[in-house]
Amino acid sequence: MPLHQKIQFNTHTQIFIWKITESYEQLFKEVILNPKCLLRINGMKSELHQRGFLSVRKLLNEAGYTDFDLYYDEFGKPHLQDGKHISITHSHQFAAIIISNETVGIDIELQRQKIIRIADKFCDTEFQYLIRDKTEEYIKKLTVIWGAKEAIFKIRNEKGISFKDHIAVNEFDLNQIQAIANLHFGGLHKEFNIYFKEVEDFTLVYALEVKVVKSK
């Protein structure tokens, strides 16, 4: 289908969301892949992943880029040739990218009961404000927390970062669609603004690093 949604976050940050309804064959015909990505997609065993991969290239086209404008560093983090920051996500029938002059990360996750069973693997201080007996709210908040930590990890992309031990999401209200998170890893201390929204039964989360203004 055409572009599902475009969000103009600020003058230099855009989010593009694609709902994947096309077949692999249709998507493949509509994009041009660079040789490395062609090898990569041919090596994928899951058609779902292949369709997600190709839909990201459709989003690049919507943003005015092609697959030849995108490259990955030695750690697998995506970059754009023009120096802008990009982050990529896809899950089931949705894919999204965020492009900005700022350091950014993005994640989209299906809201599902399963996240309750694994909450203690990625939450710690967050349990102080989470209410477990409000199941629907609990699942939605856990999904935001997971998405926030995934987005921050994509920004830093450093081996050894633990979602549970090194990234904390401050208390937030689902109606406010915004939160603050902090990364403490080694000697590194970073703060991030977190934004989230529901897209059908999914939660889209994106993170922007808070810039430290140095006093003169």
C-alpha atoms as a PDB file:
ATOM      1  CA  MET A   1       0.000   0.000   0.000  1.00  0.00           C
ATOM      2  CA  PRO A   2       1.106   3.638  -0.192  1.00  0.00           C
ATOM      3  CA  LEU A   3       2.874   5.346   2.677  1.00  0.00           C
ATOM      4  CA  HIS A   4       0.854   4.714   5.854  1.00  0.00           C
ATOM      5  CA  GLN A   5       1.924   7.825   7.731  1.00  0.00           C
ATOM      6  CA  LYS A   6       4.473  10.626   7.703  1.00  0.00           C
ATOM      7  CA  ILE A   7       5.291  12.584  10.861  1.00  0.00           C
ATOM      8  CA  GLN A   8       7.083  15.908  10.673  1.00  0.00           C
ATOM      9  CA  PHE A   9       8.504  15.940  14.202  1.00  0.00           C
ATOM     10  CA  ASN A  10      10.400  19.198  13.778  1.00  0.00           C
ATOM     11  CA  THR A  11      12.036  21.143  10.957  1.00  0.00           C
ATOM     12  CA  HIS A  12      14.823  18.597  10.559  1.00  0.00           C
ATOM     13  CA  THR A  13      13.332  15.305  11.802  1.00  0.00           C
ATOM     14  CA  GLN A  14      10.859  13.136   9.874  1.00  0.00           C
ATOM     15  CA  ILE A  15       9.319   9.720  10.558  1.00  0.00           C
ATOM     16  CA  PHE A  16       7.941   7.546   7.754  1.00  0.00           C
ATOM     17  CA  ILE A  17       5.705   4.514   8.435  1.00  0.00           C
ATOM     18  CA  TRP A  18       4.797   1.788   5.938  1.00  0.00           C
ATOM     19  CA  LYS A  19       2.087  -0.832   6.351  1.00  0.00           C
ATOM     20  CA  ILE A  20       3.310  -3.939   4.559  1.00  0.00           C
ATOM     21  CA  THR A  21       0.450  -5.386   2.524  1.00  0.00           C
ATOM     22  CA  GLU A  22       2.395  -6.150  -0.657  1.00  0.00           C
ATOM     23  CA  SER A  23       3.855  -9.505  -1.607  1.00  0.00           C
ATOM     24  CA  TYR A  24       7.612 -10.027  -1.684  1.00  0.00           C
ATOM     25  CA  GLU A  25       7.496 -10.150  -5.479  1.00  0.00           C
ATOM     26  CA  GLN A  26       5.678  -6.826  -5.770  1.00  0.00           C
ATOM     27  CA  LEU A  27       8.016  -5.037  -3.356  1.00  0.00           C
ATOM     28  CA  PHE A  28      11.086  -6.492  -5.030  1.00  0.00           C
ATOM     29  CA  LYS A  29       9.962  -5.146  -8.418  1.00  0.00           C
ATOM     30  CA  GLU A  30       9.446  -1.657  -7.020  1.00  0.00           C
ATOM     31  CA  VAL A  31      12.873  -1.030  -5.460  1.00  0.00           C
ATOM     32  CA  ILE A  32      16.475  -1.125  -6.629  1.00  0.00           C
ATOM     33  CA  LEU A  33      18.974  -2.730  -4.255  1.00  0.00           C
ATOM     34  CA  ASN A  34      22.704  -2.199  -4.123  1.00  0.00           C
ATOM     35  CA  PRO A  35      24.770  -5.399  -4.570  1.00  0.00           C
ATOM     36  CA  LYS A  36      25.445  -5.873  -0.830  1.00  0.00           C
ATOM     37  CA  CYS A  37      21.784  -5.590   0.074  1.00  0.00           C
ATOM     38  CA  LEU A  38      20.813  -7.909  -2.766  1.00  0.00           C
ATOM     39  CA  LEU A  39      23.095 -10.567  -1.302  1.00  0.00           C
ATOM     40  CA  ARG A  40      21.720  -9.880   2.136  1.00  0.00           C
ATOM     41  CA  ILE A  41      18.071 -10.267   1.178  1.00  0.00           C
ATOM     42  CA  ASN A  42      18.773 -13.422  -0.809  1.00  0.00           C
ATOM     43  CA  GLY A  43      20.264 -14.898   2.355  1.00  0.00           C
ATOM     44  CA  MET A  44      17.162 -14.241   4.456  1.00  0.00           C
ATOM     45  CA  LYS A  45      15.126 -17.351   5.212  1.00  0.00           C
ATOM     46  CA  SER A  46      11.980 -15.529   6.325  1.00  0.00           C
ATOM     47  CA  GLU A  47       9.762 -13.884   3.729  1.00  0.00           C
ATOM     48  CA  LEU A  48       8.386 -11.666   6.499  1.00  0.00           C
ATOM     49  CA  HIS A  49      11.890 -10.283   7.071  1.00  0.00           C
ATOM     50  CA  GLN A  50      12.433  -9.902   3.343  1.00  0.00           C
ATOM     51  CA  ARG A  51       9.231  -7.882   2.989  1.00  0.00           C
ATOM     52  CA  GLY A  52      10.211  -5.741   5.972  1.00  0.00           C
ATOM     53  CA  PHE A  53      13.640  -5.142   4.462  1.00  0.00           C
ATOM     54  CA  LEU A  54      12.139  -4.125   1.108  1.00  0.00           C
ATOM     55  CA  SER A  55       9.489  -1.894   2.689  1.00  0.00           C
ATOM     56  CA  VAL A  56      12.283   0.062   4.378  1.00  0.00           C
ATOM     57  CA  ARG A  57      13.659   0.740   0.866  1.00  0.00           C
ATOM     58  CA  LYS A  58      10.198   1.996  -0.102  1.00  0.00           C
ATOM     59  CA  LEU A  59      10.370   4.373   2.848  1.00  0.00           C
ATOM     60  CA  LEU A  60      13.799   5.559   1.738  1.00  0.00           C
ATOM     61  CA  ASN A  61      12.253   6.420  -1.631  1.00  0.00           C
ATOM     62  CA  GLU A  62       9.493   8.366   0.122  1.00  0.00           C
ATOM     63  CA  ALA A  63      12.180  10.355   1.951  1.00  0.00           C
ATOM     64  CA  GLY A  64      14.012  11.131  -1.282  1.00  0.00           C
ATOM     65  CA  TYR A  65      16.738   8.487  -0.987  1.00  0.00           C
ATOM     66  CA  THR A  66      17.567   5.145  -2.573  1.00  0.00           C
ATOM     67  CA  ASP A  67      19.254   2.030  -1.264  1.00  0.00           C
ATOM     68  CA  PHE A  68      22.508   3.371  -2.717  1.00  0.00           C
ATOM     69  CA  ASP A  69      22.346   6.292  -0.273  1.00  0.00           C
ATOM     70  CA  LEU A  70      22.322   3.895   2.688  1.00  0.00           C
ATOM     71  CA  TYR A  71      25.298   2.064   4.156  1.00  0.00           C
ATOM     72  CA  TYR A  72      26.042   0.109   7.315  1.00  0.00           C
ATOM     73  CA  ASP A  73      29.119   0.495   9.504  1.00  0.00           C
ATOM     74  CA  GLU A  74      31.152  -2.382  10.943  1.00  0.00           C
ATOM     75  CA  PHE A  75      28.704  -2.682  13.847  1.00  0.00           C
ATOM     76  CA  GLY A  76      25.663  -2.917  11.578  1.00  0.00           C
ATOM     77  CA  LYS A  77      24.394   0.602  12.269  1.00  0.00           C
ATOM     78  CA  PRO A  78      22.788   2.312   9.239  1.00  0.00           C
ATOM     79  CA  HIS A  79      24.026   5.666   7.926  1.00  0.00           C
ATOM     80  CA  LEU A  80      23.139   7.984   5.059  1.00  0.00           C
ATOM     81  CA  GLN A  81      25.752   9.179   2.598  1.00  0.00           C
ATOM     82  CA  ASP A  82      24.729  12.835   3.102  1.00  0.00           C
ATOM     83  CA  GLY A  83      25.587  12.681   6.808  1.00  0.00           C
ATOM     84  CA  LYS A  84      22.049  12.738   8.173  1.00  0.00           C
ATOM     85  CA  HIS A  85      21.153  10.324  10.967  1.00  0.00           C
ATOM     86  CA  ILE A  86      18.815   7.424  10.228  1.00  0.00           C
ATOM     87  CA  SER A  87      17.305   4.628  12.280  1.00  0.00           C
ATOM     88  CA  ILE A  88      15.265   1.707  10.945  1.00  0.00           C
ATOM     89  CA  THR A  89      12.686  -0.684  12.380  1.00  0.00           C
ATOM     90  CA  HIS A  90      10.204  -3.268  11.155  1.00  0.00           C
ATOM     91  CA  SER A  91       7.903  -5.690  12.923  1.00  0.00           C
ATOM     92  CA  HIS A  92       5.288  -7.951  11.363  1.00  0.00           C
ATOM     93  CA  GLN A  93       3.254  -5.752   8.964  1.00  0.00           C
ATOM     94  CA  PHE A  94       4.834  -2.396   9.819  1.00  0.00           C
ATOM     95  CA  ALA A  95       8.137  -0.723   8.992  1.00  0.00           C
ATOM     96  CA  ALA A  96       9.380   2.734   9.925  1.00  0.00           C
ATOM     97  CA  ILE A  97      12.396   4.975   9.558  1.00  0.00           C
ATOM     98  CA  ILE A  98      13.406   8.227  11.216  1.00  0.00           C
ATOM     99  CA  ILE A  99      15.740  10.685   9.503  1.00  0.00           C
ATOM    100  CA  SER A 100      17.192  13.707  11.269  1.00  0.00           C
ATOM    101  CA  ASN A 101      20.084  16.106  11.661  1.00  0.00           C
ATOM    102  CA  GLU A 102      20.099  14.919  15.280  1.00  0.00           C
ATOM    103  CA  THR A 103      21.117  11.589  16.791  1.00  0.00           C
ATOM    104  CA  VAL A 104      17.975   9.413  16.704  1.00  0.00           C
ATOM    105  CA  GLY A 105      16.717   5.878  17.221  1.00  0.00           C
ATOM    106  CA  ILE A 106      13.378   4.206  16.443  1.00  0.00           C
ATOM    107  CA  ASP A 107      11.513   0.991  17.231  1.00  0.00           C
ATOM    108  CA  ILE A 108       8.069  -0.426  16.525  1.00  0.00           C
ATOM    109  CA  GLU A 109       6.614  -3.320  18.506  1.00  0.00           C
ATOM    110  CA  LEU A 110       3.396  -5.305  18.493  1.00  0.00           C
ATOM    111  CA  GLN A 111       1.533  -4.983  21.791  1.00  0.00           C
ATOM    112  CA  ARG A 112       1.154  -8.505  23.142  1.00  0.00           C
ATOM    113  CA  GLN A 113       0.733 -10.452  26.374  1.00  0.00           C
ATOM    114  CA  LYS A 114       4.082 -12.180  25.920  1.00  0.00           C
ATOM    115  CA  ILE A 115       5.948  -9.063  27.074  1.00  0.00           C
ATOM    116  CA  ILE A 116       4.704  -9.601  30.643  1.00  0.00           C
ATOM    117  CA  ARG A 117       6.656 -12.863  30.878  1.00  0.00           C
ATOM    118  CA  ILE A 118       9.945 -11.229  29.906  1.00  0.00           C
ATOM    119  CA  ALA A 119       9.513  -7.894  31.732  1.00  0.00           C
ATOM    120  CA  ASP A 120      12.061  -8.746  34.425  1.00  0.00           C
ATOM    121  CA  LYS A 121      14.712  -9.217  31.733  1.00  0.00           C
ATOM    122  CA  PHE A 122      14.629  -5.578  30.631  1.00  0.00           C
ATOM    123  CA  CYS A 123      12.974  -3.645  33.513  1.00  0.00           C
ATOM    124  CA  ASP A 124      14.404  -2.729  36.913  1.00  0.00           C
ATOM    125  CA  THR A 125      13.618   0.691  38.414  1.00  0.00           C
ATOM    126  CA  GLU A 126      10.558   0.882  36.147  1.00  0.00           C
ATOM    127  CA  PHE A 127       8.756  -1.634  38.377  1.00  0.00           C
ATOM    128  CA  GLN A 128       8.470   1.133  40.996  1.00  0.00           C
ATOM    129  CA  TYR A 129       5.768   2.865  38.952  1.00  0.00           C
ATOM    130  CA  LEU A 130       4.283   0.049  36.855  1.00  0.00           C
ATOM    131  CA  ILE A 131       0.904  -1.281  38.025  1.00  0.00           C
ATOM    132  CA  ARG A 132       0.750  -4.978  37.228  1.00  0.00           C
ATOM    133  CA  ASP A 133      -2.943  -5.566  37.915  1.00  0.00           C
ATOM    134  CA  LYS A 134      -3.960  -3.096  35.187  1.00  0.00           C
ATOM    135  CA  THR A 135      -3.136  -5.569  32.442  1.00  0.00           C
ATOM    136  CA  GLU A 136      -3.838  -3.485  29.329  1.00  0.00           C
ATOM    137  CA  GLU A 137      -1.969  -0.447  30.678  1.00  0.00           C
ATOM    138  CA  TYR A 138       0.835  -2.702  31.936  1.00  0.00           C
ATOM    139  CA  ILE A 139       1.335  -4.240  28.487  1.00  0.00           C
ATOM    140  CA  LYS A 140       1.269  -0.841  26.778  1.00  0.00           C
ATOM    141  CA  LYS A 141       3.756   0.687  29.213  1.00  0.00           C
ATOM    142  CA  LEU A 142       6.080  -2.308  28.985  1.00  0.00           C
ATOM    143  CA  THR A 143       5.970  -1.993  25.191  1.00  0.00           C
ATOM    144  CA  VAL A 144       6.920   1.686  25.416  1.00  0.00           C
ATOM    145  CA  ILE A 145       9.765   0.870  27.804  1.00  0.00           C
ATOM    146  CA  TRP A 146      11.092  -1.897  25.576  1.00  0.00           C
ATOM    147  CA  GLY A 147      10.817   0.328  22.493  1.00  0.00           C
ATOM    148  CA  ALA A 148      12.587   3.200  24.250  1.00  0.00           C
ATOM    149  CA  LYS A 149      15.475   0.991  25.319  1.00  0.00           C
ATOM    150  CA  GLU A 150      15.723  -0.552  21.852  1.00  0.00           C
ATOM    151  CA  ALA A 151      15.783   2.915  20.258  1.00  0.00           C
ATOM    152  CA  ILE A 152      18.506   4.104  22.660  1.00  0.00           C
ATOM    153  CA  PHE A 153      20.545   0.975  22.030  1.00  0.00           C
ATOM    154  CA  LYS A 154      20.324   1.641  18.293  1.00  0.00           C
ATOM    155  CA  ILE A 155      21.676   5.141  18.889  1.00  0.00           C
ATOM    156  CA  ARG A 156      24.666   3.990  20.949  1.00  0.00           C
ATOM    157  CA  ASN A 157      25.100   0.547  19.350  1.00  0.00           C
ATOM    158  CA  GLU A 158      27.772  -0.505  21.853  1.00  0.00           C
ATOM    159  CA  LYS A 159      28.520  -4.043  22.922  1.00  0.00           C
ATOM    160  CA  GLY A 160      27.794  -4.726  26.576  1.00  0.00           C
ATOM    161  CA  ILE A 161      24.870  -2.336  27.069  1.00  0.00           C
ATOM    162  CA  SER A 162      22.159  -4.017  29.154  1.00  0.00           C
ATOM    163  CA  PHE A 163      18.561  -2.877  28.776  1.00  0.00           C
ATOM    164  CA  LYS A 164      17.903  -3.755  32.428  1.00  0.00           C
ATOM    165  CA  ASP A 165      21.102  -2.508  34.057  1.00  0.00           C
ATOM    166  CA  HIS A 166      22.151   0.473  31.956  1.00  0.00           C
ATOM    167  CA  ILE A 167      18.998   2.112  30.553  1.00  0.00           C
ATOM    168  CA  ALA A 168      16.218   3.515  32.769  1.00  0.00           C
ATOM    169  CA  VAL A 169      12.932   5.022  31.612  1.00  0.00           C
ATOM    170  CA  ASN A 170      11.427   7.571  34.000  1.00  0.00           C
ATOM    171  CA  GLU A 171       7.787   7.371  35.044  1.00  0.00           C
ATOM    172  CA  PHE A 172       5.424   8.466  32.289  1.00  0.00           C
ATOM    173  CA  ASP A 173       1.743   8.814  31.423  1.00  0.00           C
ATOM    174  CA  LEU A 174       0.471   7.013  28.323  1.00  0.00           C
ATOM    175  CA  ASN A 175      -1.653  10.044  27.483  1.00  0.00           C
ATOM    176  CA  GLN A 176       1.351  12.375  27.442  1.00  0.00           C
ATOM    177  CA  ILE A 177       3.131  10.408  24.639  1.00  0.00           C
ATOM    178  CA  GLN A 178       6.500  11.546  25.973  1.00  0.00           C
ATOM    179  CA  ALA A 179       9.051  10.343  28.523  1.00  0.00           C
ATOM    180  CA  ILE A 180      12.639  10.777  29.644  1.00  0.00           C
ATOM    181  CA  ALA A 181      15.212   7.975  29.704  1.00  0.00           C
ATOM    182  CA  ASN A 182      18.812   7.783  30.860  1.00  0.00           C
ATOM    183  CA  LEU A 183      21.754   5.658  29.825  1.00  0.00           C
ATOM    184  CA  HIS A 184      24.524   4.950  32.343  1.00  0.00           C
ATOM    185  CA  PHE A 185      27.168   2.719  30.847  1.00  0.00           C
ATOM    186  CA  GLY A 186      30.765   2.709  32.032  1.00  0.00           C
ATOM    187  CA  GLY A 187      31.649   6.366  32.365  1.00  0.00           C
ATOM    188  CA  LEU A 188      28.986   7.432  29.889  1.00  0.00           C
ATOM    189  CA  HIS A 189      25.883   9.324  31.035  1.00  0.00           C
ATOM    190  CA  LYS A 190      23.302  10.342  28.432  1.00  0.00           C
ATOM    191  CA  GLU A 191      19.724  11.608  28.622  1.00  0.00           C
ATOM    192  CA  PHE A 192      17.130  11.022  25.918  1.00  0.00           C
ATOM    193  CA  ASN A 193      13.725  12.426  25.086  1.00  0.00           C
ATOM    194  CA  ILE A 194      11.362   9.567  24.274  1.00  0.00           C
ATOM    195  CA  TYR A 195       8.242   9.924  22.132  1.00  0.00           C
ATOM    196  CA  PHE A 196       5.665   7.226  21.498  1.00  0.00           C
ATOM    197  CA  LYS A 197       2.388   6.667  19.664  1.00  0.00           C
ATOM    198  CA  GLU A 198       0.073   3.803  18.854  1.00  0.00           C
ATOM    199  CA  VAL A 199      -0.188   2.599  15.273  1.00  0.00           C
ATOM    200  CA  GLU A 200      -3.095   0.155  15.234  1.00  0.00           C
ATOM    201  CA  ASP A 201      -2.017  -2.627  17.653  1.00  0.00           C
ATOM    202  CA  PHE A 202       1.620  -1.522  17.580  1.00  0.00           C
ATOM    203  CA  THR A 203       3.623   1.002  19.577  1.00  0.00           C
ATOM    204  CA  LEU A 204       6.057   3.253  17.755  1.00  0.00           C
ATOM    205  CA  VAL A 205       8.817   4.727  19.908  1.00  0.00           C
ATOM    206  CA  TYR A 206      11.558   7.128  18.907  1.00  0.00           C
ATOM    207  CA  ALA A 207      14.380   8.637  20.919  1.00  0.00           C
ATOM    208  CA  LEU A 208      16.399  11.824  20.513  1.00  0.00           C
ATOM    209  CA  GLU A 209      19.524  12.455  22.510  1.00  0.00           C
ATOM    210  CA  VAL A 210      19.304  15.520  24.746  1.00  0.00           C
ATOM    211  CA  LYS A 211      21.999  17.970  23.749  1.00  0.00           C
ATOM    212  CA  VAL A 212      24.137  19.319  26.553  1.00  0.00           C
ATOM    213  CA  VAL A 213      24.583  23.062  26.219  1.00  0.00           C
ATOM    214  CA  LYS A 214      28.018  24.018  27.427  1.00  0.00           C
ATOM    215  CA  SER A 215      28.218  27.236  29.409  1.00  0.00           C
ATOM    216  CA  LYS A 216      30.755  29.778  28.216  1.00  0.00           C
END
